[in-house]
Amino acid sequence: MKLLITGAAGQLGTDLVLSARLAGHEVVACSHHDLEITNANDVHRVVDKASPETIIHAAAWTAVDACESDPKKAMAINRDGTSNIVRAAQAVGARVLYISTDYVFDGTKTDPYIETDLPNPQSVYGASKLAGERELELASDLASDLASDLTGNMIVRTSWVCGEYGANMVKTILRLAATNSTLTFVDDQIGCPTFTSDAAPMIVQLATSNHRGIWHVTNQGATSWFGFARDVLTAAGLDPNRVVATTTKLLTPSRPAKRPANSVLANEEIRRANLPLLDDYHIPLQRLVDRLTS
């Protein structure tokens, strides 16, 4: 299949391109340098020239706290840029797989979030990514029913993304551990660490299948940021007891954007489709730490 991948130079995008090519697909890889998604004319030109069968739309502004201080820019990229991609895809008869986030939920649910739970974002970033989801629904004449199929289009939500390429929490923890005797992380935010080396092949599989609708794609296993920092140190052969727990309320300085207390996403659609679940997150974590520290 011919795929166009936006955000191709990003953390997830890099592994998406590698996974798609490894699977034998023809890939048009578009980084920000190649494609300015906020420019509708540019998007239509690039998509029309490529004429892909599916667009995996991974380009986004993911700086959560920066989005909070510039909602106009967040919406321009995450909502309007997605609208441009969807309209250009329609013009060439392509479907779109849009990468979304756990931040579309408010984090107040006590159980893991399933695909049909109603979003209620508490940050500008979350609101802008949900607005991007709505663009796919509008393209399919679905006004408000998130549980409905999207006429071939797909939304894939993921969480706590880490990978070999780009900045992420694993690299941050290792950097802090190299210069600090103790590390402080919150223990009242929980989620599913998800590694691009595992998520990307699944996303490519979904993008090139007959599946549609909303999917949660995460590694298995939930933890807090405190627990995750301990796991990273353990994987690196360091003392996990160097990590000290705190709460979100006690963070200094406080973070501009509100984080969901519960970011755990259940993979109900993957189970229902009888597709293999991603590995427990400890497995790709060890693999990544070994690569980063070798």
C-alpha atoms as a PDB file:
ATOM      1  CA  MET A   1       0.000   0.000   0.000  1.00  0.00           C
ATOM      2  CA  LYS A   2       1.104   3.574  -0.570  1.00  0.00           C
ATOM      3  CA  LEU A   3       1.241   5.556   2.671  1.00  0.00           C
ATOM      4  CA  LEU A   4       1.898   9.214   3.351  1.00  0.00           C
ATOM      5  CA  ILE A   5       3.166   9.806   6.885  1.00  0.00           C
ATOM      6  CA  THR A   6       3.137  13.300   8.384  1.00  0.00           C
ATOM      7  CA  GLY A   7       5.429  14.184  11.257  1.00  0.00           C
ATOM      8  CA  ALA A   8       7.864  11.678   9.769  1.00  0.00           C
ATOM      9  CA  ALA A   9      10.902  13.097  11.569  1.00  0.00           C
ATOM     10  CA  GLY A  10       9.258  13.020  14.992  1.00  0.00           C
ATOM     11  CA  GLN A  11       9.595  10.467  17.756  1.00  0.00           C
ATOM     12  CA  LEU A  12       6.677   8.294  16.629  1.00  0.00           C
ATOM     13  CA  GLY A  13       6.879   9.309  12.970  1.00  0.00           C
ATOM     14  CA  THR A  14      10.412   8.022  12.571  1.00  0.00           C
ATOM     15  CA  ASP A  15       9.412   4.548  13.762  1.00  0.00           C
ATOM     16  CA  LEU A  16       6.231   4.670  11.676  1.00  0.00           C
ATOM     17  CA  VAL A  17       8.304   5.212   8.536  1.00  0.00           C
ATOM     18  CA  LEU A  18      10.731   2.446   9.482  1.00  0.00           C
ATOM     19  CA  SER A  19       7.907   0.022  10.323  1.00  0.00           C
ATOM     20  CA  ALA A  20       5.940   0.771   7.153  1.00  0.00           C
ATOM     21  CA  ARG A  21       8.963   0.267   4.910  1.00  0.00           C
ATOM     22  CA  LEU A  22       9.926  -2.910   6.775  1.00  0.00           C
ATOM     23  CA  ALA A  23       6.410  -4.211   6.103  1.00  0.00           C
ATOM     24  CA  GLY A  24       6.917  -3.606   2.382  1.00  0.00           C
ATOM     25  CA  HIS A  25       4.744  -0.527   1.923  1.00  0.00           C
ATOM     26  CA  GLU A  26       5.616   2.427  -0.276  1.00  0.00           C
ATOM     27  CA  VAL A  27       6.110   5.426   1.994  1.00  0.00           C
ATOM     28  CA  VAL A  28       6.047   9.162   1.338  1.00  0.00           C
ATOM     29  CA  ALA A  29       7.657  10.533   4.505  1.00  0.00           C
ATOM     30  CA  CYS A  30       6.787  14.163   5.207  1.00  0.00           C
ATOM     31  CA  SER A  31       8.548  16.076   7.953  1.00  0.00           C
ATOM     32  CA  HIS A  32       7.701  19.662   8.877  1.00  0.00           C
ATOM     33  CA  HIS A  33      10.330  20.736   6.349  1.00  0.00           C
ATOM     34  CA  ASP A  34       8.475  18.862   3.602  1.00  0.00           C
ATOM     35  CA  LEU A  35       4.915  19.724   4.581  1.00  0.00           C
ATOM     36  CA  GLU A  36       3.472  22.680   6.483  1.00  0.00           C
ATOM     37  CA  ILE A  37       0.147  21.250   7.624  1.00  0.00           C
ATOM     38  CA  THR A  38      -1.274  24.670   8.540  1.00  0.00           C
ATOM     39  CA  ASN A  39      -0.962  25.736   4.892  1.00  0.00           C
ATOM     40  CA  ALA A  40      -3.973  24.250   3.092  1.00  0.00           C
ATOM     41  CA  ASN A  41      -2.543  24.867  -0.374  1.00  0.00           C
ATOM     42  CA  ASP A  42       0.721  23.173   0.552  1.00  0.00           C
ATOM     43  CA  VAL A  43      -1.130  20.186   1.999  1.00  0.00           C
ATOM     44  CA  HIS A  44      -3.312  19.745  -1.089  1.00  0.00           C
ATOM     45  CA  ARG A  45      -0.278  20.058  -3.374  1.00  0.00           C
ATOM     46  CA  VAL A  46       1.760  17.437  -1.500  1.00  0.00           C
ATOM     47  CA  VAL A  47      -1.113  14.996  -1.027  1.00  0.00           C
ATOM     48  CA  ASP A  48      -2.296  15.350  -4.612  1.00  0.00           C
ATOM     49  CA  LYS A  49       1.229  14.683  -5.920  1.00  0.00           C
ATOM     50  CA  ALA A  50       1.714  11.651  -3.634  1.00  0.00           C
ATOM     51  CA  SER A  51      -1.810  10.283  -4.164  1.00  0.00           C
ATOM     52  CA  PRO A  52      -1.573   7.893  -1.190  1.00  0.00           C
ATOM     53  CA  GLU A  53      -4.123   5.260  -0.263  1.00  0.00           C
ATOM     54  CA  THR A  54      -3.804   6.106   3.438  1.00  0.00           C
ATOM     55  CA  ILE A  55      -2.373   9.052   5.366  1.00  0.00           C
ATOM     56  CA  ILE A  56      -1.003   8.400   8.838  1.00  0.00           C
ATOM     57  CA  HIS A  57      -1.253  11.832  10.399  1.00  0.00           C
ATOM     58  CA  ALA A  58       1.307  11.949  13.201  1.00  0.00           C
ATOM     59  CA  ALA A  59       2.284  15.611  12.891  1.00  0.00           C
ATOM     60  CA  ALA A  60       1.208  17.642  15.928  1.00  0.00           C
ATOM     61  CA  TRP A  61       2.298  20.224  18.461  1.00  0.00           C
ATOM     62  CA  THR A  62       2.791  18.062  21.547  1.00  0.00           C
ATOM     63  CA  ALA A  63       4.491  20.545  23.924  1.00  0.00           C
ATOM     64  CA  VAL A  64       1.755  20.311  26.537  1.00  0.00           C
ATOM     65  CA  ASP A  65       2.723  23.298  28.683  1.00  0.00           C
ATOM     66  CA  ALA A  66       3.630  25.484  25.704  1.00  0.00           C
ATOM     67  CA  CYS A  67       0.195  24.789  24.214  1.00  0.00           C
ATOM     68  CA  GLU A  68      -1.370  26.139  27.399  1.00  0.00           C
ATOM     69  CA  SER A  69       0.168  29.551  26.815  1.00  0.00           C
ATOM     70  CA  ASP A  70      -0.593  29.654  23.081  1.00  0.00           C
ATOM     71  CA  PRO A  71      -4.005  28.103  22.396  1.00  0.00           C
ATOM     72  CA  LYS A  72      -4.248  29.802  19.013  1.00  0.00           C
ATOM     73  CA  LYS A  73      -1.122  28.044  17.770  1.00  0.00           C
ATOM     74  CA  ALA A  74      -2.227  24.726  19.310  1.00  0.00           C
ATOM     75  CA  MET A  75      -5.544  24.874  17.471  1.00  0.00           C
ATOM     76  CA  ALA A  76      -3.924  26.025  14.241  1.00  0.00           C
ATOM     77  CA  ILE A  77      -1.663  22.965  14.187  1.00  0.00           C
ATOM     78  CA  ASN A  78      -3.659  20.233  15.907  1.00  0.00           C
ATOM     79  CA  ARG A  79      -7.153  21.141  14.690  1.00  0.00           C
ATOM     80  CA  ASP A  80      -6.801  23.205  11.523  1.00  0.00           C
ATOM     81  CA  GLY A  81      -3.781  21.268  10.297  1.00  0.00           C
ATOM     82  CA  THR A  82      -5.744  18.057  10.709  1.00  0.00           C
ATOM     83  CA  SER A  83      -8.668  19.579   8.831  1.00  0.00           C
ATOM     84  CA  ASN A  84      -6.326  20.361   5.945  1.00  0.00           C
ATOM     85  CA  ILE A  85      -5.052  16.782   5.915  1.00  0.00           C
ATOM     86  CA  VAL A  86      -8.576  15.333   5.982  1.00  0.00           C
ATOM     87  CA  ARG A  87      -9.819  17.556   3.144  1.00  0.00           C
ATOM     88  CA  ALA A  88      -6.789  16.794   0.997  1.00  0.00           C
ATOM     89  CA  ALA A  89      -7.271  13.075   1.670  1.00  0.00           C
ATOM     90  CA  GLN A  90     -10.895  13.300   0.594  1.00  0.00           C
ATOM     91  CA  ALA A  91      -9.826  14.947  -2.653  1.00  0.00           C
ATOM     92  CA  VAL A  92      -7.654  11.966  -3.631  1.00  0.00           C
ATOM     93  CA  GLY A  93      -9.846   9.260  -2.090  1.00  0.00           C
ATOM     94  CA  ALA A  94      -7.453   8.406   0.733  1.00  0.00           C
ATOM     95  CA  ARG A  95      -8.334   7.422   4.269  1.00  0.00           C
ATOM     96  CA  VAL A  96      -6.751   9.046   7.321  1.00  0.00           C
ATOM     97  CA  LEU A  97      -5.386   7.515  10.508  1.00  0.00           C
ATOM     98  CA  TYR A  98      -5.036  10.299  13.056  1.00  0.00           C
ATOM     99  CA  ILE A  99      -2.744   9.953  16.077  1.00  0.00           C
ATOM    100  CA  SER A 100      -4.456  11.276  19.209  1.00  0.00           C
ATOM    101  CA  THR A 101      -3.793  11.179  22.927  1.00  0.00           C
ATOM    102  CA  ASP A 102      -4.890  10.187  26.420  1.00  0.00           C
ATOM    103  CA  TYR A 103      -5.139  13.918  27.184  1.00  0.00           C
ATOM    104  CA  VAL A 104      -8.585  14.012  25.566  1.00  0.00           C
ATOM    105  CA  PHE A 105      -9.863  12.518  28.856  1.00  0.00           C
ATOM    106  CA  ASP A 106     -10.156  14.346  32.182  1.00  0.00           C
ATOM    107  CA  GLY A 107      -8.499  11.595  34.214  1.00  0.00           C
ATOM    108  CA  THR A 108     -11.255  11.322  36.824  1.00  0.00           C
ATOM    109  CA  LYS A 109     -12.388   7.820  35.900  1.00  0.00           C
ATOM    110  CA  THR A 110     -11.252   5.116  38.328  1.00  0.00           C
ATOM    111  CA  ASP A 111     -11.075   2.393  35.656  1.00  0.00           C
ATOM    112  CA  PRO A 112      -9.081   2.409  32.408  1.00  0.00           C
ATOM    113  CA  TYR A 113     -10.599   4.495  29.632  1.00  0.00           C
ATOM    114  CA  ILE A 114     -12.173   2.567  26.760  1.00  0.00           C
ATOM    115  CA  GLU A 115     -12.600   3.843  23.232  1.00  0.00           C
ATOM    116  CA  THR A 116     -16.278   4.759  23.705  1.00  0.00           C
ATOM    117  CA  ASP A 117     -15.788   6.856  26.853  1.00  0.00           C
ATOM    118  CA  LEU A 118     -16.692  10.502  26.333  1.00  0.00           C
ATOM    119  CA  PRO A 119     -13.677  12.819  26.185  1.00  0.00           C
ATOM    120  CA  ASN A 120     -13.434  15.826  28.487  1.00  0.00           C
ATOM    121  CA  PRO A 121     -10.005  17.441  28.027  1.00  0.00           C
ATOM    122  CA  GLN A 122      -8.654  19.646  30.812  1.00  0.00           C
ATOM    123  CA  SER A 123      -5.802  21.287  28.904  1.00  0.00           C
ATOM    124  CA  VAL A 124      -5.366  23.277  25.721  1.00  0.00           C
ATOM    125  CA  TYR A 125      -3.296  20.450  24.270  1.00  0.00           C
ATOM    126  CA  GLY A 126      -6.010  17.910  25.013  1.00  0.00           C
ATOM    127  CA  ALA A 127      -8.707  20.195  23.635  1.00  0.00           C
ATOM    128  CA  SER A 128      -6.745  20.818  20.443  1.00  0.00           C
ATOM    129  CA  LYS A 129      -6.174  17.096  19.865  1.00  0.00           C
ATOM    130  CA  LEU A 130      -9.850  16.364  20.478  1.00  0.00           C
ATOM    131  CA  ALA A 131     -10.674  19.109  17.979  1.00  0.00           C
ATOM    132  CA  GLY A 132      -8.493  17.205  15.511  1.00  0.00           C
ATOM    133  CA  GLU A 133     -10.531  14.062  16.183  1.00  0.00           C
ATOM    134  CA  ARG A 134     -13.699  16.027  15.440  1.00  0.00           C
ATOM    135  CA  GLU A 135     -12.353  16.939  12.014  1.00  0.00           C
ATOM    136  CA  LEU A 136     -12.359  13.263  11.070  1.00  0.00           C
ATOM    137  CA  GLU A 137     -15.902  12.907  12.350  1.00  0.00           C
ATOM    138  CA  LEU A 138     -17.087  15.951  10.424  1.00  0.00           C
ATOM    139  CA  ALA A 139     -15.521  14.507   7.287  1.00  0.00           C
ATOM    140  CA  SER A 140     -17.635  11.408   7.792  1.00  0.00           C
ATOM    141  CA  ASP A 141     -20.833  13.319   8.605  1.00  0.00           C
ATOM    142  CA  LEU A 142     -20.782  12.085  12.188  1.00  0.00           C
ATOM    143  CA  ALA A 143     -21.641  15.043  14.361  1.00  0.00           C
ATOM    144  CA  SER A 144     -21.061  13.729  17.854  1.00  0.00           C
ATOM    145  CA  ASP A 145     -21.042   9.928  18.095  1.00  0.00           C
ATOM    146  CA  LEU A 146     -17.455   9.024  18.950  1.00  0.00           C
ATOM    147  CA  ALA A 147     -18.397   5.351  19.134  1.00  0.00           C
ATOM    148  CA  SER A 148     -19.395   5.229  15.460  1.00  0.00           C
ATOM    149  CA  ASP A 149     -17.238   4.072  12.598  1.00  0.00           C
ATOM    150  CA  LEU A 150     -15.562   6.836  10.637  1.00  0.00           C
ATOM    151  CA  THR A 151     -16.155   5.641   7.054  1.00  0.00           C
ATOM    152  CA  GLY A 152     -12.691   4.197   6.769  1.00  0.00           C
ATOM    153  CA  ASN A 153     -10.930   6.847   8.832  1.00  0.00           C
ATOM    154  CA  MET A 154      -9.316   5.929  12.132  1.00  0.00           C
ATOM    155  CA  ILE A 155      -8.330   7.592  15.392  1.00  0.00           C
ATOM    156  CA  VAL A 156      -5.530   5.968  17.374  1.00  0.00           C
ATOM    157  CA  ARG A 157      -5.015   7.254  20.905  1.00  0.00           C
ATOM    158  CA  THR A 158      -1.797   6.484  22.691  1.00  0.00           C
ATOM    159  CA  SER A 159      -0.150   7.594  25.934  1.00  0.00           C
ATOM    160  CA  TRP A 160       3.187   8.324  27.626  1.00  0.00           C
ATOM    161  CA  VAL A 161       5.060   7.846  24.359  1.00  0.00           C
ATOM    162  CA  CYS A 162       8.776   6.990  24.463  1.00  0.00           C
ATOM    163  CA  GLY A 163      11.202   6.018  21.751  1.00  0.00           C
ATOM    164  CA  GLU A 164      14.765   6.047  20.522  1.00  0.00           C
ATOM    165  CA  TYR A 165      14.230   9.196  18.460  1.00  0.00           C
ATOM    166  CA  GLY A 166      13.399  12.594  19.926  1.00  0.00           C
ATOM    167  CA  ALA A 167      12.956  13.764  23.501  1.00  0.00           C
ATOM    168  CA  ASN A 168      11.017  11.681  26.012  1.00  0.00           C
ATOM    169  CA  MET A 169      10.809  10.811  29.695  1.00  0.00           C
ATOM    170  CA  VAL A 170      13.213   7.859  29.518  1.00  0.00           C
ATOM    171  CA  LYS A 171      15.964  10.113  28.205  1.00  0.00           C
ATOM    172  CA  THR A 172      15.082  12.782  30.773  1.00  0.00           C
ATOM    173  CA  ILE A 173      15.263  10.314  33.662  1.00  0.00           C
ATOM    174  CA  LEU A 174      18.630   8.961  32.506  1.00  0.00           C
ATOM    175  CA  ARG A 175      19.980  12.497  32.127  1.00  0.00           C
ATOM    176  CA  LEU A 176      18.797  13.503  35.596  1.00  0.00           C
ATOM    177  CA  ALA A 177      20.214  10.333  37.109  1.00  0.00           C
ATOM    178  CA  ALA A 178      23.642  11.184  35.702  1.00  0.00           C
ATOM    179  CA  THR A 179      23.819  14.491  37.588  1.00  0.00           C
ATOM    180  CA  ASN A 180      21.537  14.136  40.628  1.00  0.00           C
ATOM    181  CA  SER A 181      21.720  11.848  43.657  1.00  0.00           C
ATOM    182  CA  THR A 182      17.915  11.825  43.990  1.00  0.00           C
ATOM    183  CA  LEU A 183      15.085  12.251  41.485  1.00  0.00           C
ATOM    184  CA  THR A 184      11.586  13.414  42.410  1.00  0.00           C
ATOM    185  CA  PHE A 185       8.523  12.247  40.470  1.00  0.00           C
ATOM    186  CA  VAL A 186       4.785  12.312  41.128  1.00  0.00           C
ATOM    187  CA  ASP A 187       3.005   9.180  42.255  1.00  0.00           C
ATOM    188  CA  ASP A 188      -0.553  10.470  41.689  1.00  0.00           C
ATOM    189  CA  GLN A 189      -0.556  10.387  37.883  1.00  0.00           C
ATOM    190  CA  ILE A 190      -0.883   6.920  36.339  1.00  0.00           C
ATOM    191  CA  GLY A 191      -0.727   5.764  32.757  1.00  0.00           C
ATOM    192  CA  CYS A 192       0.534   3.188  30.285  1.00  0.00           C
ATOM    193  CA  PRO A 193       4.068   3.870  29.026  1.00  0.00           C
ATOM    194  CA  THR A 194       4.025   3.204  25.291  1.00  0.00           C
ATOM    195  CA  PHE A 195       7.080   2.615  23.154  1.00  0.00           C
ATOM    196  CA  THR A 196       7.202   3.646  19.522  1.00  0.00           C
ATOM    197  CA  SER A 197       9.087   0.480  18.564  1.00  0.00           C
ATOM    198  CA  ASP A 198       5.972  -1.495  19.577  1.00  0.00           C
ATOM    199  CA  ALA A 199       3.211   0.998  18.761  1.00  0.00           C
ATOM    200  CA  ALA A 200       4.409   1.881  15.254  1.00  0.00           C
ATOM    201  CA  PRO A 201       4.046  -1.622  13.742  1.00  0.00           C
ATOM    202  CA  MET A 202       0.543  -1.913  15.206  1.00  0.00           C
ATOM    203  CA  ILE A 203      -0.456   1.492  13.842  1.00  0.00           C
ATOM    204  CA  VAL A 204       0.867   0.587  10.387  1.00  0.00           C
ATOM    205  CA  GLN A 205      -1.063  -2.679  10.553  1.00  0.00           C
ATOM    206  CA  LEU A 206      -4.254  -0.802  11.391  1.00  0.00           C
ATOM    207  CA  ALA A 207      -3.625   1.806   8.694  1.00  0.00           C
ATOM    208  CA  THR A 208      -3.322  -0.865   6.028  1.00  0.00           C
ATOM    209  CA  SER A 209      -6.276  -2.951   7.200  1.00  0.00           C
ATOM    210  CA  ASN A 210     -10.035  -2.740   6.759  1.00  0.00           C
ATOM    211  CA  HIS A 211     -10.498  -1.641  10.361  1.00  0.00           C
ATOM    212  CA  ARG A 212     -11.953   1.746  11.206  1.00  0.00           C
ATOM    213  CA  GLY A 213     -13.116   3.834  14.162  1.00  0.00           C
ATOM    214  CA  ILE A 214     -11.355   4.675  17.424  1.00  0.00           C
ATOM    215  CA  TRP A 215      -8.560   2.525  18.856  1.00  0.00           C
ATOM    216  CA  HIS A 216      -6.374   2.710  21.943  1.00  0.00           C
ATOM    217  CA  VAL A 217      -2.827   1.502  21.266  1.00  0.00           C
ATOM    218  CA  THR A 218      -0.564   1.231  24.320  1.00  0.00           C
ATOM    219  CA  ASN A 219       1.881  -1.179  25.835  1.00  0.00           C
ATOM    220  CA  GLN A 220       0.447  -3.314  28.603  1.00  0.00           C
ATOM    221  CA  GLY A 221       0.909  -2.388  32.246  1.00  0.00           C
ATOM    222  CA  ALA A 222       0.134   0.774  34.184  1.00  0.00           C
ATOM    223  CA  THR A 223       2.324   2.716  36.574  1.00  0.00           C
ATOM    224  CA  SER A 224       2.869   6.192  38.023  1.00  0.00           C
ATOM    225  CA  TRP A 225       5.641   8.528  36.915  1.00  0.00           C
ATOM    226  CA  PHE A 226       7.331   7.684  40.220  1.00  0.00           C
ATOM    227  CA  GLY A 227       7.114   3.981  39.451  1.00  0.00           C
ATOM    228  CA  PHE A 228       8.258   4.527  35.869  1.00  0.00           C
ATOM    229  CA  ALA A 229      11.328   6.488  36.979  1.00  0.00           C
ATOM    230  CA  ARG A 230      12.219   3.598  39.293  1.00  0.00           C
ATOM    231  CA  ASP A 231      11.786   1.180  36.386  1.00  0.00           C
ATOM    232  CA  VAL A 232      14.110   3.236  34.188  1.00  0.00           C
ATOM    233  CA  LEU A 233      16.835   3.274  36.833  1.00  0.00           C
ATOM    234  CA  THR A 234      16.431  -0.454  37.385  1.00  0.00           C
ATOM    235  CA  ALA A 235      16.726  -1.097  33.643  1.00  0.00           C
ATOM    236  CA  ALA A 236      19.929   0.975  33.610  1.00  0.00           C
ATOM    237  CA  GLY A 237      21.407  -0.983  36.518  1.00  0.00           C
ATOM    238  CA  LEU A 238      21.031   1.963  38.919  1.00  0.00           C
ATOM    239  CA  ASP A 239      19.497   2.141  42.379  1.00  0.00           C
ATOM    240  CA  PRO A 240      15.711   2.749  42.041  1.00  0.00           C
ATOM    241  CA  ASN A 241      15.586   3.949  45.654  1.00  0.00           C
ATOM    242  CA  ARG A 242      17.144   7.197  44.439  1.00  0.00           C
ATOM    243  CA  VAL A 243      13.654   8.134  43.173  1.00  0.00           C
ATOM    244  CA  VAL A 244      11.530  10.090  45.675  1.00  0.00           C
ATOM    245  CA  ALA A 245       7.736  10.327  45.432  1.00  0.00           C
ATOM    246  CA  THR A 246       5.791  13.586  45.487  1.00  0.00           C
ATOM    247  CA  THR A 247       2.325  14.766  44.442  1.00  0.00           C
ATOM    248  CA  THR A 248       1.180  16.958  41.594  1.00  0.00           C
ATOM    249  CA  LYS A 249       0.035  19.597  44.070  1.00  0.00           C
ATOM    250  CA  LEU A 250       3.502  19.821  45.625  1.00  0.00           C
ATOM    251  CA  LEU A 251       5.408  20.190  42.345  1.00  0.00           C
ATOM    252  CA  THR A 252       7.599  23.289  42.262  1.00  0.00           C
ATOM    253  CA  PRO A 253       7.213  25.041  39.973  1.00  0.00           C
ATOM    254  CA  SER A 254       3.691  23.895  39.178  1.00  0.00           C
ATOM    255  CA  ARG A 255       2.958  22.832  35.610  1.00  0.00           C
ATOM    256  CA  PRO A 256       0.872  25.229  33.479  1.00  0.00           C
ATOM    257  CA  ALA A 257      -1.222  22.448  31.905  1.00  0.00           C
ATOM    258  CA  LYS A 258      -3.382  20.141  33.978  1.00  0.00           C
ATOM    259  CA  ARG A 259      -2.453  16.475  33.605  1.00  0.00           C
ATOM    260  CA  PRO A 260      -5.012  13.648  33.784  1.00  0.00           C
ATOM    261  CA  ALA A 261      -4.604  11.765  37.066  1.00  0.00           C
ATOM    262  CA  ASN A 262      -5.654   8.593  35.252  1.00  0.00           C
ATOM    263  CA  SER A 263      -4.257   8.179  31.732  1.00  0.00           C
ATOM    264  CA  VAL A 264      -4.670   4.410  31.550  1.00  0.00           C
ATOM    265  CA  LEU A 265      -6.174   3.406  28.197  1.00  0.00           C
ATOM    266  CA  ALA A 266      -7.811   0.002  27.778  1.00  0.00           C
ATOM    267  CA  ASN A 267      -7.203  -1.721  24.442  1.00  0.00           C
ATOM    268  CA  GLU A 268     -10.759  -2.987  23.956  1.00  0.00           C
ATOM    269  CA  GLU A 269     -10.829  -2.674  20.168  1.00  0.00           C
ATOM    270  CA  ILE A 270      -7.558  -4.567  19.779  1.00  0.00           C
ATOM    271  CA  ARG A 271      -8.980  -7.364  21.942  1.00  0.00           C
ATOM    272  CA  ARG A 272     -12.266  -7.390  20.042  1.00  0.00           C
ATOM    273  CA  ALA A 273     -10.419  -7.671  16.735  1.00  0.00           C
ATOM    274  CA  ASN A 274      -8.363 -10.572  18.118  1.00  0.00           C
ATOM    275  CA  LEU A 275      -5.139  -8.726  17.357  1.00  0.00           C
ATOM    276  CA  PRO A 276      -2.078  -9.333  19.545  1.00  0.00           C
ATOM    277  CA  LEU A 277      -1.691  -6.903  22.426  1.00  0.00           C
ATOM    278  CA  LEU A 278       1.533  -4.937  22.705  1.00  0.00           C
ATOM    279  CA  ASP A 279       4.101  -6.316  25.159  1.00  0.00           C
ATOM    280  CA  ASP A 280       4.257  -5.310  28.805  1.00  0.00           C
ATOM    281  CA  TYR A 281       6.059  -1.965  28.830  1.00  0.00           C
ATOM    282  CA  HIS A 282       9.032  -3.315  30.827  1.00  0.00           C
ATOM    283  CA  ILE A 283      10.175  -5.294  27.758  1.00  0.00           C
ATOM    284  CA  PRO A 284      10.592  -2.392  25.297  1.00  0.00           C
ATOM    285  CA  LEU A 285      11.815  -0.191  28.170  1.00  0.00           C
ATOM    286  CA  GLN A 286      14.756  -2.499  28.809  1.00  0.00           C
ATOM    287  CA  ARG A 287      15.437  -2.670  25.083  1.00  0.00           C
ATOM    288  CA  LEU A 288      15.449   1.125  24.791  1.00  0.00           C
ATOM    289  CA  VAL A 289      17.613   1.715  27.868  1.00  0.00           C
ATOM    290  CA  ASP A 290      20.133  -0.823  26.578  1.00  0.00           C
ATOM    291  CA  ARG A 291      20.333   1.058  23.268  1.00  0.00           C
ATOM    292  CA  LEU A 292      20.632   4.467  24.945  1.00  0.00           C
ATOM    293  CA  THR A 293      23.321   3.393  27.397  1.00  0.00           C
ATOM    294  CA  SER A 294      25.423   1.070  25.235  1.00  0.00           C
END
